[in-house]
């Protein structure tokens, strides 16, 4: 296969990566839930996002006192709303460099 054809194909594809460090989510069940939430949110916003490689990384821990269980509805709702806002912002047209500096 021609390298140019492979590069062209890669530019039209959509990949999502999820990084949930152990230091921010100690239990494997919590990390798995967060990754599933990331993949589901990416699917919901796939039609709005440009093709390419998208990586979502958990930058800070969540409050275990507020979310004691990985299956808590409060955690699911909080993660879903934050991911939806993040991906909607990423899909919005405009100055991406300004948005990246805010985050």
PDB file of N, CA and C in Angstrom:
ATOM      1  N   UNK A   1       0.849  -1.169   0.000  1.00  0.00           N
ATOM      2  CA  UNK A   1       0.000   0.000   0.000  1.00  0.00           C
ATOM      3  C   UNK A   1       0.894   1.231   0.000  1.00  0.00           C
ATOM      4  N   UNK A   2       0.555   2.182  -0.777  1.00  0.00           N
ATOM      5  CA  UNK A   2       1.314   3.417  -0.906  1.00  0.00           C
ATOM      6  C   UNK A   2       1.256   4.218   0.395  1.00  0.00           C
ATOM      7  N   UNK A   3       2.417   4.787   0.821  1.00  0.00           N
ATOM      8  CA  UNK A   3       2.465   5.568   2.061  1.00  0.00           C
ATOM      9  C   UNK A   3       1.509   6.746   2.030  1.00  0.00           C
ATOM     10  N   UNK A   4       1.375   7.376   0.890  1.00  0.00           N
ATOM     11  CA  UNK A   4       0.477   8.521   0.760  1.00  0.00           C
ATOM     12  C   UNK A   4      -0.963   8.100   1.008  1.00  0.00           C
ATOM     13  N   UNK A   5      -1.340   6.936   0.496  1.00  0.00           N
ATOM     14  CA  UNK A   5      -2.685   6.416   0.694  1.00  0.00           C
ATOM     15  C   UNK A   5      -2.934   6.119   2.171  1.00  0.00           C
ATOM     16  N   UNK A   6      -1.957   5.554   2.852  1.00  0.00           N
ATOM     17  CA  UNK A   6      -2.091   5.244   4.274  1.00  0.00           C
ATOM     18  C   UNK A   6      -2.253   6.537   5.068  1.00  0.00           C
ATOM     19  N   UNK A   7      -1.437   7.568   4.771  1.00  0.00           N
ATOM     20  CA  UNK A   7      -1.549   8.844   5.471  1.00  0.00           C
ATOM     21  C   UNK A   7      -2.907   9.490   5.231  1.00  0.00           C
ATOM     22  N   UNK A   8      -3.396   9.410   4.004  1.00  0.00           N
ATOM     23  CA  UNK A   8      -4.696   9.976   3.668  1.00  0.00           C
ATOM     24  C   UNK A   8      -5.805   9.268   4.447  1.00  0.00           C
ATOM     25  N   UNK A   9      -5.703   7.947   4.539  1.00  0.00           N
ATOM     26  CA  UNK A   9      -6.678   7.161   5.291  1.00  0.00           C
ATOM     27  C   UNK A   9      -6.652   7.547   6.761  1.00  0.00           C
ATOM     28  N   UNK A  10      -5.451   7.717   7.331  1.00  0.00           N
ATOM     29  CA  UNK A  10      -5.313   8.051   8.742  1.00  0.00           C
ATOM     30  C   UNK A  10      -5.929   9.412   9.058  1.00  0.00           C
ATOM     31  N   UNK A  11      -5.858  10.338   8.123  1.00  0.00           N
ATOM     32  CA  UNK A  11      -6.416  11.670   8.349  1.00  0.00           C
ATOM     33  C   UNK A  11      -7.939  11.655   8.401  1.00  0.00           C
ATOM     34  N   UNK A  12      -8.573  10.657   7.818  1.00  0.00           N
ATOM     35  CA  UNK A  12     -10.036  10.589   7.800  1.00  0.00           C
ATOM     36  C   UNK A  12     -10.596   9.716   8.917  1.00  0.00           C
ATOM     37  N   UNK A  13      -9.750   9.041   9.660  1.00  0.00           N
ATOM     38  CA  UNK A  13     -10.207   8.148  10.721  1.00  0.00           C
ATOM     39  C   UNK A  13     -10.320   8.890  12.035  1.00  0.00           C
ATOM     40  N   UNK A  14     -11.014   8.288  12.982  1.00  0.00           N
ATOM     41  CA  UNK A  14     -11.247   8.877  14.292  1.00  0.00           C
ATOM     42  C   UNK A  14     -10.777   7.887  15.357  1.00  0.00           C
ATOM     43  N   UNK A  15      -9.827   8.299  16.163  1.00  0.00           N
ATOM     44  CA  UNK A  15      -9.350   7.472  17.265  1.00  0.00           C
ATOM     45  C   UNK A  15      -9.531   8.237  18.559  1.00  0.00           C
ATOM     46  N   UNK A  16      -9.823   7.494  19.621  1.00  0.00           N
ATOM     47  CA  UNK A  16      -9.925   8.112  20.943  1.00  0.00           C
ATOM     48  C   UNK A  16      -9.039   7.318  21.895  1.00  0.00           C
ATOM     49  N   UNK A  17      -8.275   8.036  22.692  1.00  0.00           N
ATOM     50  CA  UNK A  17      -7.439   7.417  23.705  1.00  0.00           C
ATOM     51  C   UNK A  17      -7.862   7.919  25.072  1.00  0.00           C
ATOM     52  N   UNK A  18      -7.815   7.066  26.069  1.00  0.00           N
ATOM     53  CA  UNK A  18      -8.203   7.433  27.426  1.00  0.00           C
ATOM     54  C   UNK A  18      -7.048   7.119  28.366  1.00  0.00           C
ATOM     55  N   UNK A  19      -6.614   8.131  29.109  1.00  0.00           N
ATOM     56  CA  UNK A  19      -5.526   7.960  30.069  1.00  0.00           C
ATOM     57  C   UNK A  19      -6.066   8.314  31.450  1.00  0.00           C
ATOM     58  N   UNK A  20      -6.107   7.313  32.316  1.00  0.00           N
ATOM     59  CA  UNK A  20      -6.577   7.515  33.686  1.00  0.00           C
ATOM     60  C   UNK A  20      -5.482   6.993  34.613  1.00  0.00           C
ATOM     61  N   UNK A  21      -4.607   7.884  35.102  1.00  0.00           N
ATOM     62  CA  UNK A  21      -3.491   7.445  35.940  1.00  0.00           C
ATOM     63  C   UNK A  21      -3.952   6.817  37.258  1.00  0.00           C
ATOM     64  N   UNK A  22      -3.198   5.855  37.699  1.00  0.00           N
ATOM     65  CA  UNK A  22      -3.504   5.161  38.938  1.00  0.00           C
ATOM     66  C   UNK A  22      -3.446   6.103  40.145  1.00  0.00           C
ATOM     67  N   UNK A  23      -2.610   7.123  40.076  1.00  0.00           N
ATOM     68  CA  UNK A  23      -2.504   8.043  41.219  1.00  0.00           C
ATOM     69  C   UNK A  23      -3.762   8.889  41.392  1.00  0.00           C
ATOM     70  N   UNK A  24      -4.583   9.003  40.327  1.00  0.00           N
ATOM     71  CA  UNK A  24      -5.818   9.779  40.422  1.00  0.00           C
ATOM     72  C   UNK A  24      -7.052   8.913  40.676  1.00  0.00           C
ATOM     73  N   UNK A  25      -6.991   7.663  40.302  1.00  0.00           N
ATOM     74  CA  UNK A  25      -8.100   6.727  40.521  1.00  0.00           C
ATOM     75  C   UNK A  25      -7.468   5.400  40.944  1.00  0.00           C
ATOM     76  N   UNK A  26      -7.387   5.182  42.225  1.00  0.00           N
ATOM     77  CA  UNK A  26      -6.641   4.043  42.763  1.00  0.00           C
ATOM     78  C   UNK A  26      -7.230   2.688  42.382  1.00  0.00           C
ATOM     79  N   UNK A  27      -8.543   2.579  42.369  1.00  0.00           N
ATOM     80  CA  UNK A  27      -9.162   1.274  42.116  1.00  0.00           C
ATOM     81  C   UNK A  27      -9.360   1.030  40.621  1.00  0.00           C
ATOM     82  N   UNK A  28      -9.064  -0.184  40.199  1.00  0.00           N
ATOM     83  CA  UNK A  28      -9.189  -0.546  38.786  1.00  0.00           C
ATOM     84  C   UNK A  28     -10.628  -0.388  38.294  1.00  0.00           C
ATOM     85  N   UNK A  29     -11.589  -0.681  39.144  1.00  0.00           N
ATOM     86  CA  UNK A  29     -12.986  -0.565  38.733  1.00  0.00           C
ATOM     87  C   UNK A  29     -13.329   0.893  38.418  1.00  0.00           C
ATOM     88  N   UNK A  30     -12.758   1.808  39.169  1.00  0.00           N
ATOM     89  CA  UNK A  30     -12.996   3.236  38.920  1.00  0.00           C
ATOM     90  C   UNK A  30     -12.326   3.670  37.622  1.00  0.00           C
ATOM     91  N   UNK A  31     -11.090   3.232  37.407  1.00  0.00           N
ATOM     92  CA  UNK A  31     -10.390   3.577  36.169  1.00  0.00           C
ATOM     93  C   UNK A  31     -11.137   3.032  34.953  1.00  0.00           C
ATOM     94  N   UNK A  32     -11.629   1.815  35.062  1.00  0.00           N
ATOM     95  CA  UNK A  32     -12.383   1.211  33.949  1.00  0.00           C
ATOM     96  C   UNK A  32     -13.669   1.982  33.679  1.00  0.00           C
ATOM     97  N   UNK A  33     -14.377   2.364  34.726  1.00  0.00           N
ATOM     98  CA  UNK A  33     -15.602   3.124  34.553  1.00  0.00           C
ATOM     99  C   UNK A  33     -15.316   4.460  33.869  1.00  0.00           C
ATOM    100  N   UNK A  34     -14.269   5.135  34.310  1.00  0.00           N
ATOM    101  CA  UNK A  34     -13.923   6.431  33.719  1.00  0.00           C
ATOM    102  C   UNK A  34     -13.559   6.278  32.241  1.00  0.00           C
ATOM    103  N   UNK A  35     -12.820   5.240  31.912  1.00  0.00           N
ATOM    104  CA  UNK A  35     -12.461   5.010  30.505  1.00  0.00           C
ATOM    105  C   UNK A  35     -13.697   4.709  29.667  1.00  0.00           C
ATOM    106  N   UNK A  36     -14.614   3.902  30.189  1.00  0.00           N
ATOM    107  CA  UNK A  36     -15.852   3.619  29.448  1.00  0.00           C
ATOM    108  C   UNK A  36     -16.649   4.899  29.230  1.00  0.00           C
ATOM    109  N   UNK A  37     -16.668   5.757  30.244  1.00  0.00           N
ATOM    110  CA  UNK A  37     -17.376   7.041  30.120  1.00  0.00           C
ATOM    111  C   UNK A  37     -16.722   7.907  29.037  1.00  0.00           C
ATOM    112  N   UNK A  38     -15.387   7.902  28.991  1.00  0.00           N
ATOM    113  CA  UNK A  38     -14.668   8.682  27.974  1.00  0.00           C
ATOM    114  C   UNK A  38     -15.013   8.176  26.575  1.00  0.00           C
ATOM    115  N   UNK A  39     -14.983   6.857  26.384  1.00  0.00           N
ATOM    116  CA  UNK A  39     -15.293   6.282  25.066  1.00  0.00           C
ATOM    117  C   UNK A  39     -16.742   6.567  24.669  1.00  0.00           C
ATOM    118  N   UNK A  40     -17.661   6.474  25.627  1.00  0.00           N
ATOM    119  CA  UNK A  40     -19.075   6.739  25.332  1.00  0.00           C
ATOM    120  C   UNK A  40     -19.287   8.209  24.965  1.00  0.00           C
ATOM    121  N   UNK A  41     -18.637   9.114  25.690  1.00  0.00           N
ATOM    122  CA  UNK A  41     -18.769  10.546  25.384  1.00  0.00           C
ATOM    123  C   UNK A  41     -18.186  10.848  24.007  1.00  0.00           C
ATOM    124  N   UNK A  42     -17.078  10.223  23.672  1.00  0.00           N
ATOM    125  CA  UNK A  42     -16.472  10.433  22.351  1.00  0.00           C
ATOM    126  C   UNK A  42     -17.418   9.957  21.254  1.00  0.00           C
ATOM    127  N   UNK A  43     -18.091   8.853  21.473  1.00  0.00           N
ATOM    128  CA  UNK A  43     -19.062   8.362  20.483  1.00  0.00           C
ATOM    129  C   UNK A  43     -20.222   9.339  20.322  1.00  0.00           C
ATOM    130  N   UNK A  44     -20.691   9.912  21.448  1.00  0.00           N
ATOM    131  CA  UNK A  44     -21.789  10.886  21.376  1.00  0.00           C
ATOM    132  C   UNK A  44     -21.384  12.130  20.576  1.00  0.00           C
ATOM    133  N   UNK A  45     -20.114  12.512  20.650  1.00  0.00           N
ATOM    134  CA  UNK A  45     -19.639  13.741  20.010  1.00  0.00           C
ATOM    135  C   UNK A  45     -18.845  13.478  18.719  1.00  0.00           C
ATOM    136  N   UNK A  46     -18.785  12.250  18.309  1.00  0.00           N
ATOM    137  CA  UNK A  46     -17.959  11.875  17.157  1.00  0.00           C
ATOM    138  C   UNK A  46     -18.287  12.683  15.904  1.00  0.00           C
ATOM    139  N   UNK A  47     -19.559  12.932  15.663  1.00  0.00           N
ATOM    140  CA  UNK A  47     -19.968  13.658  14.457  1.00  0.00           C
ATOM    141  C   UNK A  47     -19.539  15.125  14.492  1.00  0.00           C
ATOM    142  N   UNK A  48     -19.238  15.659  15.674  1.00  0.00           N
ATOM    143  CA  UNK A  48     -18.834  17.061  15.809  1.00  0.00           C
ATOM    144  C   UNK A  48     -17.316  17.240  15.780  1.00  0.00           C
ATOM    145  N   UNK A  49     -16.579  16.182  16.121  1.00  0.00           N
ATOM    146  CA  UNK A  49     -15.121  16.277  16.233  1.00  0.00           C
ATOM    147  C   UNK A  49     -14.444  16.009  14.890  1.00  0.00           C
ATOM    148  N   UNK A  50     -13.344  16.678  14.685  1.00  0.00           N
ATOM    149  CA  UNK A  50     -12.566  16.465  13.462  1.00  0.00           C
ATOM    150  C   UNK A  50     -11.927  15.077  13.492  1.00  0.00           C
ATOM    151  N   UNK A  51     -11.720  14.454  12.328  1.00  0.00           N
ATOM    152  CA  UNK A  51     -11.029  13.164  12.299  1.00  0.00           C
ATOM    153  C   UNK A  51      -9.616  13.316  12.861  1.00  0.00           C
ATOM    154  N   UNK A  52      -9.101  12.250  13.409  1.00  0.00           N
ATOM    155  CA  UNK A  52      -7.744  12.271  13.939  1.00  0.00           C
ATOM    156  C   UNK A  52      -7.664  11.536  15.260  1.00  0.00           C
ATOM    157  N   UNK A  53      -6.576  11.754  15.942  1.00  0.00           N
ATOM    158  CA  UNK A  53      -6.323  11.118  17.234  1.00  0.00           C
ATOM    159  C   UNK A  53      -6.687  12.093  18.344  1.00  0.00           C
ATOM    160  N   UNK A  54      -7.599  11.686  19.208  1.00  0.00           N
ATOM    161  CA  UNK A  54      -8.032  12.489  20.343  1.00  0.00           C
ATOM    162  C   UNK A  54      -7.656  11.740  21.616  1.00  0.00           C
ATOM    163  N   UNK A  55      -7.020  12.428  22.540  1.00  0.00           N
ATOM    164  CA  UNK A  55      -6.620  11.808  23.803  1.00  0.00           C
ATOM    165  C   UNK A  55      -7.246  12.591  24.952  1.00  0.00           C
ATOM    166  N   UNK A  56      -7.913  11.877  25.832  1.00  0.00           N
ATOM    167  CA  UNK A  56      -8.512  12.476  27.023  1.00  0.00           C
ATOM    168  C   UNK A  56      -7.759  11.917  28.222  1.00  0.00           C
ATOM    169  N   UNK A  57      -7.239  12.827  29.047  1.00  0.00           N
ATOM    170  CA  UNK A  57      -6.428  12.427  30.194  1.00  0.00           C
ATOM    171  C   UNK A  57      -7.001  13.038  31.467  1.00  0.00           C
ATOM    172  N   UNK A  58      -7.174  12.220  32.482  1.00  0.00           N
ATOM    173  CA  UNK A  58      -7.604  12.700  33.792  1.00  0.00           C
ATOM    174  C   UNK A  58      -6.430  13.436  34.425  1.00  0.00           C
ATOM    175  N   UNK A  59      -6.613  14.740  34.689  1.00  0.00           N
ATOM    176  CA  UNK A  59      -5.506  15.557  35.189  1.00  0.00           C
ATOM    177  C   UNK A  59      -5.457  15.674  36.706  1.00  0.00           C
ATOM    178  N   UNK A  60      -6.563  15.433  37.363  1.00  0.00           N
ATOM    179  CA  UNK A  60      -6.566  15.543  38.821  1.00  0.00           C
ATOM    180  C   UNK A  60      -7.513  14.505  39.404  1.00  0.00           C
ATOM    181  N   UNK A  61      -7.269  14.127  40.645  1.00  0.00           N
ATOM    182  CA  UNK A  61      -8.126  13.108  41.257  1.00  0.00           C
ATOM    183  C   UNK A  61      -9.512  13.656  41.564  1.00  0.00           C
ATOM    184  N   UNK A  62     -10.468  12.756  41.668  1.00  0.00           N
ATOM    185  CA  UNK A  62     -11.796  13.150  42.096  1.00  0.00           C
ATOM    186  C   UNK A  62     -11.894  12.909  43.602  1.00  0.00           C
ATOM    187  N   UNK A  63     -12.814  13.566  44.239  1.00  0.00           N
ATOM    188  CA  UNK A  63     -12.974  13.501  45.697  1.00  0.00           C
ATOM    189  C   UNK A  63     -13.626  12.173  46.103  1.00  0.00           C
ATOM    190  N   UNK A  64     -12.855  11.314  46.756  1.00  0.00           N
ATOM    191  CA  UNK A  64     -13.398   9.998  47.162  1.00  0.00           C
ATOM    192  C   UNK A  64     -14.453  10.130  48.238  1.00  0.00           C
ATOM    193  N   UNK A  65     -14.418  11.207  49.021  1.00  0.00           N
ATOM    194  CA  UNK A  65     -15.458  11.417  50.033  1.00  0.00           C
ATOM    195  C   UNK A  65     -16.797  11.739  49.356  1.00  0.00           C
ATOM    196  N   UNK A  66     -16.718  12.483  48.265  1.00  0.00           N
ATOM    197  CA  UNK A  66     -17.930  12.858  47.531  1.00  0.00           C
ATOM    198  C   UNK A  66     -18.431  11.716  46.650  1.00  0.00           C
ATOM    199  N   UNK A  67     -17.505  10.925  46.110  1.00  0.00           N
ATOM    200  CA  UNK A  67     -17.847   9.808  45.227  1.00  0.00           C
ATOM    201  C   UNK A  67     -17.233   8.530  45.792  1.00  0.00           C
ATOM    202  N   UNK A  68     -17.833   7.929  46.816  1.00  0.00           N
ATOM    203  CA  UNK A  68     -17.221   6.765  47.473  1.00  0.00           C
ATOM    204  C   UNK A  68     -17.223   5.497  46.623  1.00  0.00           C
ATOM    205  N   UNK A  69     -18.132   5.417  45.666  1.00  0.00           N
ATOM    206  CA  UNK A  69     -18.255   4.199  44.867  1.00  0.00           C
ATOM    207  C   UNK A  69     -18.071   4.516  43.388  1.00  0.00           C
ATOM    208  N   UNK A  70     -17.413   3.603  42.688  1.00  0.00           N
ATOM    209  CA  UNK A  70     -17.225   3.778  41.245  1.00  0.00           C
ATOM    210  C   UNK A  70     -18.550   3.697  40.508  1.00  0.00           C
ATOM    211  N   UNK A  71     -19.522   3.027  41.096  1.00  0.00           N
ATOM    212  CA  UNK A  71     -20.821   2.875  40.445  1.00  0.00           C
ATOM    213  C   UNK A  71     -21.833   3.911  40.914  1.00  0.00           C
ATOM    214  N   UNK A  72     -21.382   4.900  41.676  1.00  0.00           N
ATOM    215  CA  UNK A  72     -22.323   5.893  42.200  1.00  0.00           C
ATOM    216  C   UNK A  72     -22.912   6.722  41.061  1.00  0.00           C
ATOM    217  N   UNK A  73     -24.214   6.921  41.082  1.00  0.00           N
ATOM    218  CA  UNK A  73     -24.854   7.741  40.050  1.00  0.00           C
ATOM    219  C   UNK A  73     -24.291   9.169  40.012  1.00  0.00           C
ATOM    220  N   UNK A  74     -23.908   9.687  41.165  1.00  0.00           N
ATOM    221  CA  UNK A  74     -23.348  11.042  41.216  1.00  0.00           C
ATOM    222  C   UNK A  74     -22.038  11.121  40.427  1.00  0.00           C
ATOM    223  N   UNK A  75     -21.183  10.096  40.548  1.00  0.00           N
ATOM    224  CA  UNK A  75     -19.924  10.074  39.802  1.00  0.00           C
ATOM    225  C   UNK A  75     -20.187   9.971  38.305  1.00  0.00           C
ATOM    226  N   UNK A  76     -21.078   9.088  37.926  1.00  0.00           N
ATOM    227  CA  UNK A  76     -21.400   8.926  36.503  1.00  0.00           C
ATOM    228  C   UNK A  76     -21.928  10.232  35.904  1.00  0.00           C
ATOM    229  N   UNK A  77     -22.833  10.890  36.619  1.00  0.00           N
ATOM    230  CA  UNK A  77     -23.409  12.135  36.127  1.00  0.00           C
ATOM    231  C   UNK A  77     -22.357  13.239  36.037  1.00  0.00           C
ATOM    232  N   UNK A  78     -21.514  13.334  37.047  1.00  0.00           N
ATOM    233  CA  UNK A  78     -20.460  14.350  37.071  1.00  0.00           C
ATOM    234  C   UNK A  78     -19.472  14.146  35.922  1.00  0.00           C
ATOM    235  N   UNK A  79     -19.042  12.901  35.735  1.00  0.00           N
ATOM    236  CA  UNK A  79     -18.087  12.591  34.668  1.00  0.00           C
ATOM    237  C   UNK A  79     -18.719  12.838  33.297  1.00  0.00           C
ATOM    238  N   UNK A  80     -19.953  12.400  33.141  1.00  0.00           N
ATOM    239  CA  UNK A  80     -20.632  12.585  31.847  1.00  0.00           C
ATOM    240  C   UNK A  80     -20.761  14.066  31.500  1.00  0.00           C
ATOM    241  N   UNK A  81     -21.198  14.883  32.458  1.00  0.00           N
ATOM    242  CA  UNK A  81     -21.400  16.301  32.154  1.00  0.00           C
ATOM    243  C   UNK A  81     -20.076  17.002  31.877  1.00  0.00           C
ATOM    244  N   UNK A  82     -19.024  16.644  32.616  1.00  0.00           N
ATOM    245  CA  UNK A  82     -17.722  17.262  32.378  1.00  0.00           C
ATOM    246  C   UNK A  82     -17.150  16.853  31.016  1.00  0.00           C
ATOM    247  N   UNK A  83     -17.287  15.583  30.661  1.00  0.00           N
ATOM    248  CA  UNK A  83     -16.800  15.118  29.357  1.00  0.00           C
ATOM    249  C   UNK A  83     -17.583  15.747  28.216  1.00  0.00           C
ATOM    250  N   UNK A  84     -18.903  15.854  28.371  1.00  0.00           N
ATOM    251  CA  UNK A  84     -19.709  16.470  27.316  1.00  0.00           C
ATOM    252  C   UNK A  84     -19.293  17.921  27.102  1.00  0.00           C
ATOM    253  N   UNK A  85     -19.045  18.648  28.184  1.00  0.00           N
ATOM    254  CA  UNK A  85     -18.610  20.043  28.068  1.00  0.00           C
ATOM    255  C   UNK A  85     -17.232  20.121  27.408  1.00  0.00           C
ATOM    256  N   UNK A  86     -16.325  19.243  27.807  1.00  0.00           N
ATOM    257  CA  UNK A  86     -14.980  19.235  27.253  1.00  0.00           C
ATOM    258  C   UNK A  86     -14.996  18.951  25.748  1.00  0.00           C
ATOM    259  N   UNK A  87     -15.736  17.935  25.338  1.00  0.00           N
ATOM    260  CA  UNK A  87     -15.763  17.561  23.926  1.00  0.00           C
ATOM    261  C   UNK A  87     -16.544  18.566  23.083  1.00  0.00           C
ATOM    262  N   UNK A  88     -17.571  19.172  23.648  1.00  0.00           N
ATOM    263  CA  UNK A  88     -18.295  20.221  22.926  1.00  0.00           C
ATOM    264  C   UNK A  88     -17.376  21.415  22.701  1.00  0.00           C
ATOM    265  N   UNK A  89     -16.572  21.741  23.701  1.00  0.00           N
ATOM    266  CA  UNK A  89     -15.618  22.841  23.568  1.00  0.00           C
ATOM    267  C   UNK A  89     -14.547  22.501  22.532  1.00  0.00           C
ATOM    268  N   UNK A  90     -14.096  21.265  22.524  1.00  0.00           N
ATOM    269  CA  UNK A  90     -13.070  20.843  21.553  1.00  0.00           C
ATOM    270  C   UNK A  90     -13.613  20.877  20.130  1.00  0.00           C
ATOM    271  N   UNK A  91     -14.894  20.629  19.968  1.00  0.00           N
ATOM    272  CA  UNK A  91     -15.493  20.591  18.640  1.00  0.00           C
ATOM    273  C   UNK A  91     -15.880  21.978  18.133  1.00  0.00           C
ATOM    274  N   UNK A  92     -15.941  22.958  19.035  1.00  0.00           N
ATOM    275  CA  UNK A  92     -16.378  24.300  18.648  1.00  0.00           C
ATOM    276  C   UNK A  92     -15.345  24.970  17.755  1.00  0.00           C
ATOM    277  N   UNK A  93     -15.817  25.652  16.724  1.00  0.00           N
ATOM    278  CA  UNK A  93     -14.871  26.379  15.872  1.00  0.00           C
ATOM    279  C   UNK A  93     -14.318  27.585  16.629  1.00  0.00           C
ATOM    280  N   UNK A  94     -13.166  28.035  16.208  1.00  0.00           N
ATOM    281  CA  UNK A  94     -12.583  29.212  16.840  1.00  0.00           C
ATOM    282  C   UNK A  94     -11.120  29.005  17.145  1.00  0.00           C
ATOM    283  N   UNK A  95     -10.610  29.831  18.022  1.00  0.00           N
ATOM    284  CA  UNK A  95      -9.195  29.815  18.364  1.00  0.00           C
ATOM    285  C   UNK A  95      -8.907  28.691  19.356  1.00  0.00           C
ATOM    286  N   UNK A  96      -8.437  27.558  18.847  1.00  0.00           N
ATOM    287  CA  UNK A  96      -8.153  26.408  19.710  1.00  0.00           C
ATOM    288  C   UNK A  96      -7.005  26.689  20.669  1.00  0.00           C
ATOM    289  N   UNK A  97      -6.030  27.495  20.259  1.00  0.00           N
ATOM    290  CA  UNK A  97      -4.890  27.753  21.128  1.00  0.00           C
ATOM    291  C   UNK A  97      -5.327  28.495  22.386  1.00  0.00           C
ATOM    292  N   UNK A  98      -6.320  29.366  22.294  1.00  0.00           N
ATOM    293  CA  UNK A  98      -6.816  30.085  23.471  1.00  0.00           C
ATOM    294  C   UNK A  98      -7.511  29.123  24.419  1.00  0.00           C
ATOM    295  N   UNK A  99      -8.295  28.176  23.858  1.00  0.00           N
ATOM    296  CA  UNK A  99      -8.968  27.206  24.717  1.00  0.00           C
ATOM    297  C   UNK A  99      -7.969  26.282  25.394  1.00  0.00           C
ATOM    298  N   UNK A 100      -6.912  25.910  24.689  1.00  0.00           N
ATOM    299  CA  UNK A 100      -5.906  25.011  25.265  1.00  0.00           C
ATOM    300  C   UNK A 100      -5.178  25.689  26.422  1.00  0.00           C
ATOM    301  N   UNK A 101      -4.947  26.983  26.347  1.00  0.00           N
ATOM    302  CA  UNK A 101      -4.267  27.691  27.433  1.00  0.00           C
ATOM    303  C   UNK A 101      -5.128  27.738  28.675  1.00  0.00           C
ATOM    304  N   UNK A 102      -6.460  27.769  28.521  1.00  0.00           N
ATOM    305  CA  UNK A 102      -7.348  27.810  29.686  1.00  0.00           C
ATOM    306  C   UNK A 102      -7.274  26.512  30.465  1.00  0.00           C
ATOM    307  N   UNK A 103      -7.196  25.372  29.772  1.00  0.00           N
ATOM    308  CA  UNK A 103      -7.255  24.062  30.401  1.00  0.00           C
ATOM    309  C   UNK A 103      -6.024  23.744  31.078  1.00  0.00           C
TER     310      UNK A 103
END
